[in-house]
Amino acid sequence: MTSEYIKPEMIEHVLFALTEPNRLACRVALKTGLRIGDVLSIKKEALFRASQQKYKLKVKEQKTGKIRTVSLGKELTDELLHKSGQIYVFEGRNGINTHRTRQAVYKDIKRAGKAFRIKENLTPHSLRKVYAVKLYQKYGNMKKVREALNHSNEAVTMIYALADHIQTKK
């Protein structure tokens, strides 16, 4: 079953119910459109560099291997630096040399979605769809959304950017 789009007002409820590190990781995903695995693998050193470069963070996407630059903003960057581990921003529970797992965030999101009786298949990837819908609503430009998501295929981008319309038709 694929991840589904969820309305932004419901996302706020879900975020509230997450553990602090997972909430912060999800906020980064919502702000940048990064996949949760890419968010969790951000190193403190890269974040520190971003704080020196107008809060622009360079991330190598795990799925595609492409380099992507995202804007975090001062407030979020400062919060991430303040709460980050020694090596990874989102430290794993097995020590400083590992980052938090995608599965940990997935389970927490599932738990929060269940607590709020959300019927849609809510996963961390749903956040990427929320990001794409917001971007498309703001600019009305599919090319801009495709570039922001780093997609090579516009048809895939349309599934994300129009997820709010696709969802209501089901």
C-alpha atoms as a PDB file:
ATOM      1  CA  MET A   1       0.000   0.000   0.000  1.00  0.00           C
ATOM      2  CA  THR A   2       1.400   3.408  -0.967  1.00  0.00           C
ATOM      3  CA  SER A   3       1.666   6.403   1.289  1.00  0.00           C
ATOM      4  CA  GLU A   4      -1.232   8.797   1.049  1.00  0.00           C
ATOM      5  CA  TYR A   5      -1.628  12.544   1.209  1.00  0.00           C
ATOM      6  CA  ILE A   6      -2.959  13.920   4.463  1.00  0.00           C
ATOM      7  CA  LYS A   7      -4.399  17.386   5.005  1.00  0.00           C
ATOM      8  CA  PRO A   8      -1.995  19.893   6.609  1.00  0.00           C
ATOM      9  CA  GLU A   9      -4.299  20.462   9.596  1.00  0.00           C
ATOM     10  CA  MET A  10      -4.175  16.731  10.387  1.00  0.00           C
ATOM     11  CA  ILE A  11      -0.385  16.762  10.046  1.00  0.00           C
ATOM     12  CA  GLU A  12      -0.282  19.285  12.907  1.00  0.00           C
ATOM     13  CA  HIS A  13      -2.110  16.807  15.158  1.00  0.00           C
ATOM     14  CA  VAL A  14       0.223  13.986  14.161  1.00  0.00           C
ATOM     15  CA  LEU A  15       3.328  16.126  14.766  1.00  0.00           C
ATOM     16  CA  PHE A  16       2.039  16.985  18.227  1.00  0.00           C
ATOM     17  CA  ALA A  17       1.788  13.279  19.108  1.00  0.00           C
ATOM     18  CA  LEU A  18       5.292  12.319  17.929  1.00  0.00           C
ATOM     19  CA  THR A  19       8.340  12.015  20.129  1.00  0.00           C
ATOM     20  CA  GLU A  20      10.523  15.135  20.063  1.00  0.00           C
ATOM     21  CA  PRO A  21      13.283  13.823  17.727  1.00  0.00           C
ATOM     22  CA  ASN A  22      10.756  12.340  15.292  1.00  0.00           C
ATOM     23  CA  ARG A  23       8.713  15.551  15.323  1.00  0.00           C
ATOM     24  CA  LEU A  24      11.827  17.555  14.467  1.00  0.00           C
ATOM     25  CA  ALA A  25      12.789  15.142  11.669  1.00  0.00           C
ATOM     26  CA  CYS A  26       9.267  15.405  10.235  1.00  0.00           C
ATOM     27  CA  ARG A  27       9.389  19.203  10.413  1.00  0.00           C
ATOM     28  CA  VAL A  28      12.593  19.101   8.343  1.00  0.00           C
ATOM     29  CA  ALA A  29      10.918  16.772   5.814  1.00  0.00           C
ATOM     30  CA  LEU A  30       7.893  19.085   5.564  1.00  0.00           C
ATOM     31  CA  LYS A  31      10.084  22.168   5.099  1.00  0.00           C
ATOM     32  CA  THR A  32      12.428  20.635   2.521  1.00  0.00           C
ATOM     33  CA  GLY A  33      10.590  17.771   0.817  1.00  0.00           C
ATOM     34  CA  LEU A  34      13.497  15.445   1.608  1.00  0.00           C
ATOM     35  CA  ARG A  35      12.834  11.752   2.077  1.00  0.00           C
ATOM     36  CA  ILE A  36      12.931  10.799   5.766  1.00  0.00           C
ATOM     37  CA  GLY A  37      16.035   8.635   5.275  1.00  0.00           C
ATOM     38  CA  ASP A  38      17.887  11.641   3.873  1.00  0.00           C
ATOM     39  CA  VAL A  39      16.735  13.814   6.780  1.00  0.00           C
ATOM     40  CA  LEU A  40      17.914  11.273   9.343  1.00  0.00           C
ATOM     41  CA  SER A  41      21.345  10.932   7.733  1.00  0.00           C
ATOM     42  CA  ILE A  42      22.165  14.659   8.023  1.00  0.00           C
ATOM     43  CA  LYS A  43      25.414  15.119   9.894  1.00  0.00           C
ATOM     44  CA  LYS A  44      26.038  17.902  12.389  1.00  0.00           C
ATOM     45  CA  GLU A  45      29.059  19.028  10.362  1.00  0.00           C
ATOM     46  CA  ALA A  46      26.895  19.573   7.241  1.00  0.00           C
ATOM     47  CA  LEU A  47      24.363  21.481   9.316  1.00  0.00           C
ATOM     48  CA  PHE A  48      27.104  23.684  10.746  1.00  0.00           C
ATOM     49  CA  ARG A  49      28.305  24.427   7.171  1.00  0.00           C
ATOM     50  CA  ALA A  50      24.724  25.318   6.228  1.00  0.00           C
ATOM     51  CA  SER A  51      24.571  27.797   9.108  1.00  0.00           C
ATOM     52  CA  GLN A  52      27.568  29.539   7.503  1.00  0.00           C
ATOM     53  CA  GLN A  53      25.991  29.531   4.014  1.00  0.00           C
ATOM     54  CA  LYS A  54      22.600  31.252   4.315  1.00  0.00           C
ATOM     55  CA  TYR A  55      21.099  28.086   5.830  1.00  0.00           C
ATOM     56  CA  LYS A  56      21.421  26.154   2.563  1.00  0.00           C
ATOM     57  CA  LEU A  57      22.089  22.487   3.228  1.00  0.00           C
ATOM     58  CA  LYS A  58      23.590  20.167   0.608  1.00  0.00           C
ATOM     59  CA  VAL A  59      22.257  16.621   0.839  1.00  0.00           C
ATOM     60  CA  LYS A  60      23.186  13.587  -1.248  1.00  0.00           C
ATOM     61  CA  GLU A  61      19.951  11.702  -1.802  1.00  0.00           C
ATOM     62  CA  GLN A  62      20.264   8.040  -0.863  1.00  0.00           C
ATOM     63  CA  LYS A  63      17.749   6.865  -3.465  1.00  0.00           C
ATOM     64  CA  THR A  64      19.104   8.735  -6.497  1.00  0.00           C
ATOM     65  CA  GLY A  65      22.652   9.680  -5.501  1.00  0.00           C
ATOM     66  CA  LYS A  66      21.879  13.226  -6.667  1.00  0.00           C
ATOM     67  CA  ILE A  67      23.071  16.236  -4.692  1.00  0.00           C
ATOM     68  CA  ARG A  68      20.255  18.491  -3.596  1.00  0.00           C
ATOM     69  CA  THR A  69      20.427  21.885  -1.905  1.00  0.00           C
ATOM     70  CA  VAL A  70      17.591  22.743   0.466  1.00  0.00           C
ATOM     71  CA  SER A  71      16.863  25.820   2.526  1.00  0.00           C
ATOM     72  CA  LEU A  72      16.287  25.250   6.231  1.00  0.00           C
ATOM     73  CA  GLY A  73      16.018  28.816   7.495  1.00  0.00           C
ATOM     74  CA  LYS A  74      17.789  30.224  10.540  1.00  0.00           C
ATOM     75  CA  GLU A  75      15.258  29.162  13.179  1.00  0.00           C
ATOM     76  CA  LEU A  76      15.105  25.499  12.142  1.00  0.00           C
ATOM     77  CA  THR A  77      18.886  25.307  11.605  1.00  0.00           C
ATOM     78  CA  ASP A  78      19.533  26.735  15.064  1.00  0.00           C
ATOM     79  CA  GLU A  79      17.068  24.300  16.640  1.00  0.00           C
ATOM     80  CA  LEU A  80      18.659  21.359  14.826  1.00  0.00           C
ATOM     81  CA  LEU A  81      22.158  22.415  15.892  1.00  0.00           C
ATOM     82  CA  HIS A  82      21.001  22.824  19.479  1.00  0.00           C
ATOM     83  CA  LYS A  83      19.386  19.373  19.619  1.00  0.00           C
ATOM     84  CA  SER A  84      21.818  17.445  17.424  1.00  0.00           C
ATOM     85  CA  GLY A  85      23.995  14.538  18.442  1.00  0.00           C
ATOM     86  CA  GLN A  86      27.777  14.519  18.201  1.00  0.00           C
ATOM     87  CA  ILE A  87      27.976  13.176  14.641  1.00  0.00           C
ATOM     88  CA  TYR A  88      24.433  12.859  13.312  1.00  0.00           C
ATOM     89  CA  VAL A  89      21.745  15.436  13.919  1.00  0.00           C
ATOM     90  CA  PHE A  90      19.316  12.606  14.684  1.00  0.00           C
ATOM     91  CA  GLU A  91      21.415  10.214  16.734  1.00  0.00           C
ATOM     92  CA  GLY A  92      20.385   6.574  16.917  1.00  0.00           C
ATOM     93  CA  ARG A  93      19.861   4.745  20.160  1.00  0.00           C
ATOM     94  CA  ASN A  94      22.864   2.497  19.472  1.00  0.00           C
ATOM     95  CA  GLY A  95      25.447   5.221  20.012  1.00  0.00           C
ATOM     96  CA  ILE A  96      26.901   8.269  18.336  1.00  0.00           C
ATOM     97  CA  ASN A  97      28.070   6.469  15.188  1.00  0.00           C
ATOM     98  CA  THR A  98      24.546   5.694  13.980  1.00  0.00           C
ATOM     99  CA  HIS A  99      21.577   7.817  13.094  1.00  0.00           C
ATOM    100  CA  ARG A 100      17.929   7.286  13.985  1.00  0.00           C
ATOM    101  CA  THR A 101      16.265   4.757  11.688  1.00  0.00           C
ATOM    102  CA  ARG A 102      13.491   5.322   9.165  1.00  0.00           C
ATOM    103  CA  GLN A 103      11.612   2.516  10.874  1.00  0.00           C
ATOM    104  CA  ALA A 104      11.621   4.374  14.207  1.00  0.00           C
ATOM    105  CA  VAL A 105       9.993   7.399  12.580  1.00  0.00           C
ATOM    106  CA  TYR A 106       7.599   5.176  10.606  1.00  0.00           C
ATOM    107  CA  LYS A 107       6.388   3.382  13.743  1.00  0.00           C
ATOM    108  CA  ASP A 108       5.924   6.652  15.620  1.00  0.00           C
ATOM    109  CA  ILE A 109       3.928   8.182  12.741  1.00  0.00           C
ATOM    110  CA  LYS A 110       1.767   5.054  12.502  1.00  0.00           C
ATOM    111  CA  ARG A 111       1.127   5.205  16.258  1.00  0.00           C
ATOM    112  CA  ALA A 112       0.187   8.898  16.081  1.00  0.00           C
ATOM    113  CA  GLY A 113      -2.054   8.347  13.049  1.00  0.00           C
ATOM    114  CA  LYS A 114      -3.842   5.530  14.849  1.00  0.00           C
ATOM    115  CA  ALA A 115      -4.302   7.697  17.958  1.00  0.00           C
ATOM    116  CA  PHE A 116      -6.072  10.325  15.826  1.00  0.00           C
ATOM    117  CA  ARG A 117      -7.997   7.659  13.878  1.00  0.00           C
ATOM    118  CA  ILE A 118      -6.563   8.789  10.558  1.00  0.00           C
ATOM    119  CA  LYS A 119      -7.900   6.477   7.844  1.00  0.00           C
ATOM    120  CA  GLU A 120      -5.303   7.343   5.190  1.00  0.00           C
ATOM    121  CA  ASN A 121      -2.118   5.286   4.967  1.00  0.00           C
ATOM    122  CA  LEU A 122       0.067   7.780   6.786  1.00  0.00           C
ATOM    123  CA  THR A 123       3.822   7.236   6.442  1.00  0.00           C
ATOM    124  CA  PRO A 124       6.866   9.512   6.533  1.00  0.00           C
ATOM    125  CA  HIS A 125       6.608   9.670   2.733  1.00  0.00           C
ATOM    126  CA  SER A 126       3.191  11.328   3.124  1.00  0.00           C
ATOM    127  CA  LEU A 127       5.123  14.401   4.286  1.00  0.00           C
ATOM    128  CA  ARG A 128       6.812  14.622   0.879  1.00  0.00           C
ATOM    129  CA  LYS A 129       3.386  14.665  -0.748  1.00  0.00           C
ATOM    130  CA  VAL A 130       2.214  17.433   1.600  1.00  0.00           C
ATOM    131  CA  TYR A 131       5.334  19.419   0.641  1.00  0.00           C
ATOM    132  CA  ALA A 132       4.679  18.905  -3.093  1.00  0.00           C
ATOM    133  CA  VAL A 133       1.003  19.905  -2.825  1.00  0.00           C
ATOM    134  CA  LYS A 134       1.904  23.078  -0.900  1.00  0.00           C
ATOM    135  CA  LEU A 135       4.579  23.992  -3.428  1.00  0.00           C
ATOM    136  CA  TYR A 136       2.228  23.456  -6.366  1.00  0.00           C
ATOM    137  CA  GLN A 137      -0.524  25.478  -4.686  1.00  0.00           C
ATOM    138  CA  LYS A 138       1.943  28.297  -4.023  1.00  0.00           C
ATOM    139  CA  TYR A 139       3.529  28.501  -7.499  1.00  0.00           C
ATOM    140  CA  GLY A 140       1.188  26.585  -9.826  1.00  0.00           C
ATOM    141  CA  ASN A 141       4.285  25.409 -11.664  1.00  0.00           C
ATOM    142  CA  MET A 142       4.860  21.681 -12.112  1.00  0.00           C
ATOM    143  CA  LYS A 143       8.451  22.200 -13.304  1.00  0.00           C
ATOM    144  CA  LYS A 144       9.311  24.009 -10.077  1.00  0.00           C
ATOM    145  CA  VAL A 145       7.837  21.148  -8.018  1.00  0.00           C
ATOM    146  CA  ARG A 146       9.698  18.557 -10.124  1.00  0.00           C
ATOM    147  CA  GLU A 147      12.997  20.372  -9.549  1.00  0.00           C
ATOM    148  CA  ALA A 148      12.304  20.769  -5.814  1.00  0.00           C
ATOM    149  CA  LEU A 149      11.632  17.027  -5.465  1.00  0.00           C
ATOM    150  CA  ASN A 150      14.578  16.219  -7.753  1.00  0.00           C
ATOM    151  CA  HIS A 151      12.373  14.034  -9.944  1.00  0.00           C
ATOM    152  CA  SER A 152      13.461  13.169 -13.478  1.00  0.00           C
ATOM    153  CA  ASN A 153       9.903  12.324 -14.570  1.00  0.00           C
ATOM    154  CA  GLU A 154       7.122  14.914 -14.530  1.00  0.00           C
ATOM    155  CA  ALA A 155       4.414  12.221 -14.419  1.00  0.00           C
ATOM    156  CA  VAL A 156       5.715  11.078 -11.023  1.00  0.00           C
ATOM    157  CA  THR A 157       5.807  14.690  -9.838  1.00  0.00           C
ATOM    158  CA  MET A 158       2.144  15.094 -10.819  1.00  0.00           C
ATOM    159  CA  ILE A 159       1.189  12.197  -8.528  1.00  0.00           C
ATOM    160  CA  TYR A 160       2.773  14.107  -5.654  1.00  0.00           C
ATOM    161  CA  ALA A 161       1.738  17.662  -6.550  1.00  0.00           C
ATOM    162  CA  LEU A 162      -1.873  16.712  -7.232  1.00  0.00           C
ATOM    163  CA  ALA A 163      -2.133  14.215  -4.363  1.00  0.00           C
ATOM    164  CA  ASP A 164      -4.816  16.309  -2.666  1.00  0.00           C
ATOM    165  CA  HIS A 165      -7.060  15.995  -5.755  1.00  0.00           C
ATOM    166  CA  ILE A 166      -6.233  12.335  -6.367  1.00  0.00           C
ATOM    167  CA  GLN A 167      -7.012  11.512  -2.720  1.00  0.00           C
ATOM    168  CA  THR A 168     -10.481  13.108  -2.805  1.00  0.00           C
ATOM    169  CA  LYS A 169     -11.434  11.206  -5.974  1.00  0.00           C
ATOM    170  CA  LYS A 170     -10.923   7.814  -4.272  1.00  0.00           C
END
